[in-house]
């Protein structure tokens, strides 16, 4: 009985993994079994870090808002409470951008939160 060499489907499956592993160092990019492990792990990290990215950006925005708020004589928590009471609907991303790009505009936002909000 002739030996079976697995053919097109198996080769396509292996090449797909090796293509994803291109750019990896040494055997990780050349040996199928090893490449499969690292590619699968990379996909796990990619999935997890797509979720993590949202947390990281929120932390960055809060840190920027807090620094700008303290420069204007308020704390982050008092500022956010004041904005909520004053019904100012700016999210953290926008507030962070205003704090970076337009400090005078951010100062007026802080003032608006203190006048009505406390």
C-alpha atoms as a PDB file:
ATOM      1  CA  UNK A   1       0.000   0.000   0.000  1.00  0.00           C
ATOM      2  CA  UNK A   2       1.469   3.404  -0.938  1.00  0.00           C
ATOM      3  CA  UNK A   3       2.147   5.930   1.769  1.00  0.00           C
ATOM      4  CA  UNK A   4      -0.257   8.802   2.160  1.00  0.00           C
ATOM      5  CA  UNK A   5       1.362  12.225   2.168  1.00  0.00           C
ATOM      6  CA  UNK A   6      -1.643  14.185   3.442  1.00  0.00           C
ATOM      7  CA  UNK A   7      -1.814  16.465   0.424  1.00  0.00           C
ATOM      8  CA  UNK A   8      -3.278  19.872  -0.178  1.00  0.00           C
ATOM      9  CA  UNK A   9      -5.494  20.451   2.880  1.00  0.00           C
ATOM     10  CA  UNK A  10      -2.793  19.669   5.428  1.00  0.00           C
ATOM     11  CA  UNK A  11      -0.223  21.759   3.575  1.00  0.00           C
ATOM     12  CA  UNK A  12      -2.644  24.674   3.382  1.00  0.00           C
ATOM     13  CA  UNK A  13      -3.347  24.431   7.109  1.00  0.00           C
ATOM     14  CA  UNK A  14       0.364  24.354   7.958  1.00  0.00           C
ATOM     15  CA  UNK A  15       1.203  27.200   5.607  1.00  0.00           C
ATOM     16  CA  UNK A  16      -1.546  29.339   7.110  1.00  0.00           C
ATOM     17  CA  UNK A  17       0.004  28.988  10.570  1.00  0.00           C
ATOM     18  CA  UNK A  18       3.532  29.549   9.255  1.00  0.00           C
ATOM     19  CA  UNK A  19       2.378  32.667   7.450  1.00  0.00           C
ATOM     20  CA  UNK A  20       1.044  34.056  10.734  1.00  0.00           C
ATOM     21  CA  UNK A  21       4.374  33.184  12.378  1.00  0.00           C
ATOM     22  CA  UNK A  22       6.495  35.016   9.817  1.00  0.00           C
ATOM     23  CA  UNK A  23       8.618  37.582  11.576  1.00  0.00           C
ATOM     24  CA  UNK A  24       9.001  35.467  14.695  1.00  0.00           C
ATOM     25  CA  UNK A  25      12.560  34.638  15.745  1.00  0.00           C
ATOM     26  CA  UNK A  26      14.341  31.436  14.788  1.00  0.00           C
ATOM     27  CA  UNK A  27      12.409  28.141  14.966  1.00  0.00           C
ATOM     28  CA  UNK A  28       9.223  29.946  15.951  1.00  0.00           C
ATOM     29  CA  UNK A  29       8.829  31.037  12.349  1.00  0.00           C
ATOM     30  CA  UNK A  30      10.039  27.836  10.667  1.00  0.00           C
ATOM     31  CA  UNK A  31       8.926  24.732  12.557  1.00  0.00           C
ATOM     32  CA  UNK A  32       5.206  24.051  12.283  1.00  0.00           C
ATOM     33  CA  UNK A  33       4.638  22.536  15.738  1.00  0.00           C
ATOM     34  CA  UNK A  34       6.501  25.323  17.483  1.00  0.00           C
ATOM     35  CA  UNK A  35       4.960  28.023  15.288  1.00  0.00           C
ATOM     36  CA  UNK A  36       1.482  26.705  16.036  1.00  0.00           C
ATOM     37  CA  UNK A  37       2.046  27.111  19.787  1.00  0.00           C
ATOM     38  CA  UNK A  38       3.309  30.668  19.573  1.00  0.00           C
ATOM     39  CA  UNK A  39       0.684  31.761  17.046  1.00  0.00           C
ATOM     40  CA  UNK A  40      -2.127  30.394  19.215  1.00  0.00           C
ATOM     41  CA  UNK A  41      -0.653  32.158  22.245  1.00  0.00           C
ATOM     42  CA  UNK A  42      -0.344  35.358  20.231  1.00  0.00           C
ATOM     43  CA  UNK A  43      -4.024  35.142  19.335  1.00  0.00           C
ATOM     44  CA  UNK A  44      -4.893  34.693  23.017  1.00  0.00           C
ATOM     45  CA  UNK A  45      -2.851  37.776  23.916  1.00  0.00           C
ATOM     46  CA  UNK A  46      -4.376  39.757  21.056  1.00  0.00           C
ATOM     47  CA  UNK A  47      -7.910  38.927  22.198  1.00  0.00           C
ATOM     48  CA  UNK A  48      -7.159  39.787  25.828  1.00  0.00           C
ATOM     49  CA  UNK A  49      -5.367  43.006  24.986  1.00  0.00           C
ATOM     50  CA  UNK A  50      -8.141  44.266  22.760  1.00  0.00           C
ATOM     51  CA  UNK A  51     -10.174  44.281  25.975  1.00  0.00           C
ATOM     52  CA  UNK A  52      -7.265  45.641  28.014  1.00  0.00           C
ATOM     53  CA  UNK A  53      -6.757  48.575  25.644  1.00  0.00           C
ATOM     54  CA  UNK A  54     -10.096  50.054  26.669  1.00  0.00           C
ATOM     55  CA  UNK A  55      -9.115  49.930  30.354  1.00  0.00           C
ATOM     56  CA  UNK A  56      -5.688  51.428  29.668  1.00  0.00           C
ATOM     57  CA  UNK A  57      -7.091  54.381  27.741  1.00  0.00           C
ATOM     58  CA  UNK A  58      -9.693  55.091  30.420  1.00  0.00           C
ATOM     59  CA  UNK A  59      -6.925  55.142  33.061  1.00  0.00           C
ATOM     60  CA  UNK A  60      -4.880  57.526  30.906  1.00  0.00           C
ATOM     61  CA  UNK A  61      -7.827  59.877  30.391  1.00  0.00           C
ATOM     62  CA  UNK A  62      -8.606  59.916  34.109  1.00  0.00           C
ATOM     63  CA  UNK A  63      -4.971  60.678  34.978  1.00  0.00           C
ATOM     64  CA  UNK A  64      -4.915  63.581  32.509  1.00  0.00           C
ATOM     65  CA  UNK A  65      -8.230  64.976  33.729  1.00  0.00           C
ATOM     66  CA  UNK A  66      -7.117  64.705  37.362  1.00  0.00           C
ATOM     67  CA  UNK A  67      -3.840  66.526  36.677  1.00  0.00           C
ATOM     68  CA  UNK A  68      -5.601  69.325  34.795  1.00  0.00           C
ATOM     69  CA  UNK A  69      -8.365  69.551  37.408  1.00  0.00           C
ATOM     70  CA  UNK A  70      -5.836  69.871  40.253  1.00  0.00           C
ATOM     71  CA  UNK A  71      -4.059  72.618  38.315  1.00  0.00           C
ATOM     72  CA  UNK A  72      -7.407  74.431  38.341  1.00  0.00           C
ATOM     73  CA  UNK A  73      -8.103  73.883  42.040  1.00  0.00           C
ATOM     74  CA  UNK A  74     -10.401  70.869  41.882  1.00  0.00           C
ATOM     75  CA  UNK A  75     -10.043  67.128  42.267  1.00  0.00           C
ATOM     76  CA  UNK A  76     -11.091  64.549  39.708  1.00  0.00           C
ATOM     77  CA  UNK A  77     -13.984  63.201  41.752  1.00  0.00           C
ATOM     78  CA  UNK A  78     -15.380  66.652  42.604  1.00  0.00           C
ATOM     79  CA  UNK A  79     -15.041  67.732  38.986  1.00  0.00           C
ATOM     80  CA  UNK A  80     -16.891  64.685  37.659  1.00  0.00           C
ATOM     81  CA  UNK A  81     -19.622  65.037  40.275  1.00  0.00           C
ATOM     82  CA  UNK A  82     -19.981  68.738  39.489  1.00  0.00           C
ATOM     83  CA  UNK A  83     -20.247  68.023  35.765  1.00  0.00           C
ATOM     84  CA  UNK A  84     -22.912  65.409  36.395  1.00  0.00           C
ATOM     85  CA  UNK A  85     -24.948  67.764  38.601  1.00  0.00           C
ATOM     86  CA  UNK A  86     -24.522  70.588  36.066  1.00  0.00           C
ATOM     87  CA  UNK A  87     -25.687  68.187  33.327  1.00  0.00           C
ATOM     88  CA  UNK A  88     -22.534  68.687  31.259  1.00  0.00           C
ATOM     89  CA  UNK A  89     -22.347  65.593  29.062  1.00  0.00           C
ATOM     90  CA  UNK A  90     -18.682  65.356  28.113  1.00  0.00           C
ATOM     91  CA  UNK A  91     -17.061  61.951  28.296  1.00  0.00           C
ATOM     92  CA  UNK A  92     -13.590  61.332  29.690  1.00  0.00           C
ATOM     93  CA  UNK A  93     -11.976  61.073  26.267  1.00  0.00           C
ATOM     94  CA  UNK A  94     -13.218  64.520  25.266  1.00  0.00           C
ATOM     95  CA  UNK A  95     -12.384  66.069  28.655  1.00  0.00           C
ATOM     96  CA  UNK A  96      -8.862  64.672  28.415  1.00  0.00           C
ATOM     97  CA  UNK A  97      -8.437  66.112  24.937  1.00  0.00           C
ATOM     98  CA  UNK A  98      -9.716  69.515  26.061  1.00  0.00           C
ATOM     99  CA  UNK A  99      -7.305  69.445  29.015  1.00  0.00           C
ATOM    100  CA  UNK A 100      -4.368  68.814  26.666  1.00  0.00           C
ATOM    101  CA  UNK A 101      -5.260  71.031  23.732  1.00  0.00           C
ATOM    102  CA  UNK A 102      -7.168  73.923  25.336  1.00  0.00           C
ATOM    103  CA  UNK A 103      -6.253  74.570  28.993  1.00  0.00           C
ATOM    104  CA  UNK A 104      -8.325  77.779  29.087  1.00  0.00           C
ATOM    105  CA  UNK A 105     -11.368  75.895  27.832  1.00  0.00           C
ATOM    106  CA  UNK A 106     -10.805  73.193  30.450  1.00  0.00           C
ATOM    107  CA  UNK A 107     -10.608  75.898  33.122  1.00  0.00           C
ATOM    108  CA  UNK A 108     -14.038  77.128  32.051  1.00  0.00           C
ATOM    109  CA  UNK A 109     -15.376  73.565  32.248  1.00  0.00           C
ATOM    110  CA  UNK A 110     -13.998  73.291  35.797  1.00  0.00           C
ATOM    111  CA  UNK A 111     -15.578  76.626  36.668  1.00  0.00           C
ATOM    112  CA  UNK A 112     -18.935  75.494  35.279  1.00  0.00           C
ATOM    113  CA  UNK A 113     -18.766  72.338  37.397  1.00  0.00           C
ATOM    114  CA  UNK A 114     -18.000  74.335  40.539  1.00  0.00           C
ATOM    115  CA  UNK A 115     -20.689  76.987  40.070  1.00  0.00           C
ATOM    116  CA  UNK A 116     -23.616  74.592  39.819  1.00  0.00           C
ATOM    117  CA  UNK A 117     -22.197  71.348  41.129  1.00  0.00           C
ATOM    118  CA  UNK A 118     -20.140  72.083  44.203  1.00  0.00           C
END
